[in-house]
Amino acid sequence: TCHFNEVIHDGNINSFQNCTVIEGSITILDSTFNGFQEVYENYTFGNRYPAMNPKKLEIFTTLKEVQATSISKGTILVIGGRTLTEYFSALYIVKTALTSLGLKSLRKIRSGAVSILENKDLCYAQEINWQKIMKSPSHNTLLQNNKNHQECIRQGHVCDPQCSSEGCWGPGNKSCLSCNKFQVDSECISSCDPALGLYKVKENKCMKCDSECELTCKGPGPGNCDKCKHTKDGPFCVSKCPDGKYHNATYGYCMPCHENCVGGCDGPGNTIGPLGCRSCEKAILSNLGNILECLEREESCPESHFEEWVVRQTEGKLEPLAGKAICRPCNSLCKKCNGFGFHDDVCQECLHFSQDQQCVSECGGDYYKDGTTCKPVLMS
């Protein structure tokens, strides 16, 4: 709660930062915007403050309740009227340069009169049905010497056609006290047109379809869209598929990745690539080093392959497998191996023949075949 009973000017406006309730009264005068001179009760002069930029009134956007007089461009909901100013006024606006009141969220003046005087540029105020807002039958509304209403009409400074007869706080269909036909958020409109992404919730109220709806819907939330803007996961429209699923462009909804995928996927395939996994715990490579198939971490490499780890700094084809395991093909002469080569220290079983502790496709000229072993011909 902020305590205040003064005129707003450039020297005190910042004291309202983060205020939600003001106890007392505040007044905005023409001098607020033209430069304010403090004058004390003994008629001596105090500080002189420069002209305040009207945009500084936006500091009142956190305001929820004022206990006396107030004007702002923010969300004022209630004026309490505990401390009244001139003419027993709870709302007192005199000799300002305002063109409209802009009190879009003001719903109630609990006590006190309304006095709006000598504002030569002010329109819209006399179109307001003040009795709808004022809760005290013993106080009246005094509107005098503001801008001529006929001049306001001639210049088009009148309430939007979508506003009801209760009037408005300023131009446009977002400044109405109430709507002529329908309301969506703070805006008055002519109909709840489904083609505009709206649906009807009450006799005179519309709501916008969920942001994930392509356009039309049957009700609130992403589960009532007639069509999804991006994709669909189960009954709900979503901006992207959750981890473990991919967007199926043909059917327009999310489908599960292959069970071997790690970190998501872009398709149903059990490999790493545009239509498969983004990574996996283990993968089988081709002779050219291409990734053929993903495996579970505990699965053994197939025959004629050996397992090795991919270093974390790896780039290129194997970058998605950095820190993971791969199954590389053995040398073409090996049937089983624990590393790459054709010597018997890495080649555990030869595909064809073994000769002099290495695998060969055929025995040499001075060797003969003894099963899968090439033995030397003994010279007599």
Foldseek 3Di string as FASTA:
>chain_A
DAEDAEEAAPVCLVVLALPAEYEYEYAYAQCRQQKDWDADPVRDTDDIGHGDDLVSLCSCQNYDEYAAEDAGLHQHAEHNLPDADPPQARHAYEHHQDQFRNNQNHQAYADGEHEHYQRANYPFPVQAPCVRHYPDPVYYYHYYNYHDHVVCVVVVFAEDPQADSNTFRTYAQLTHPHGPAADEDSGGDDDQDQQQQWDDDDRHYIYHEDPQAPGGFDDHFQLTHPHGPQAAEVSGRDNADDAQWEADPVVRYTDGEPPQADRHFHANFQWPDNHHHLAGQEFEADQVGATDGGDHQPDDDDWQWAKDAADCVDDDRCNSRHRHMYTYGEPPQARHFHDHDFFCVTRVHTPAADEPRGGDNDADPQWDDDDRYTHGNDDD
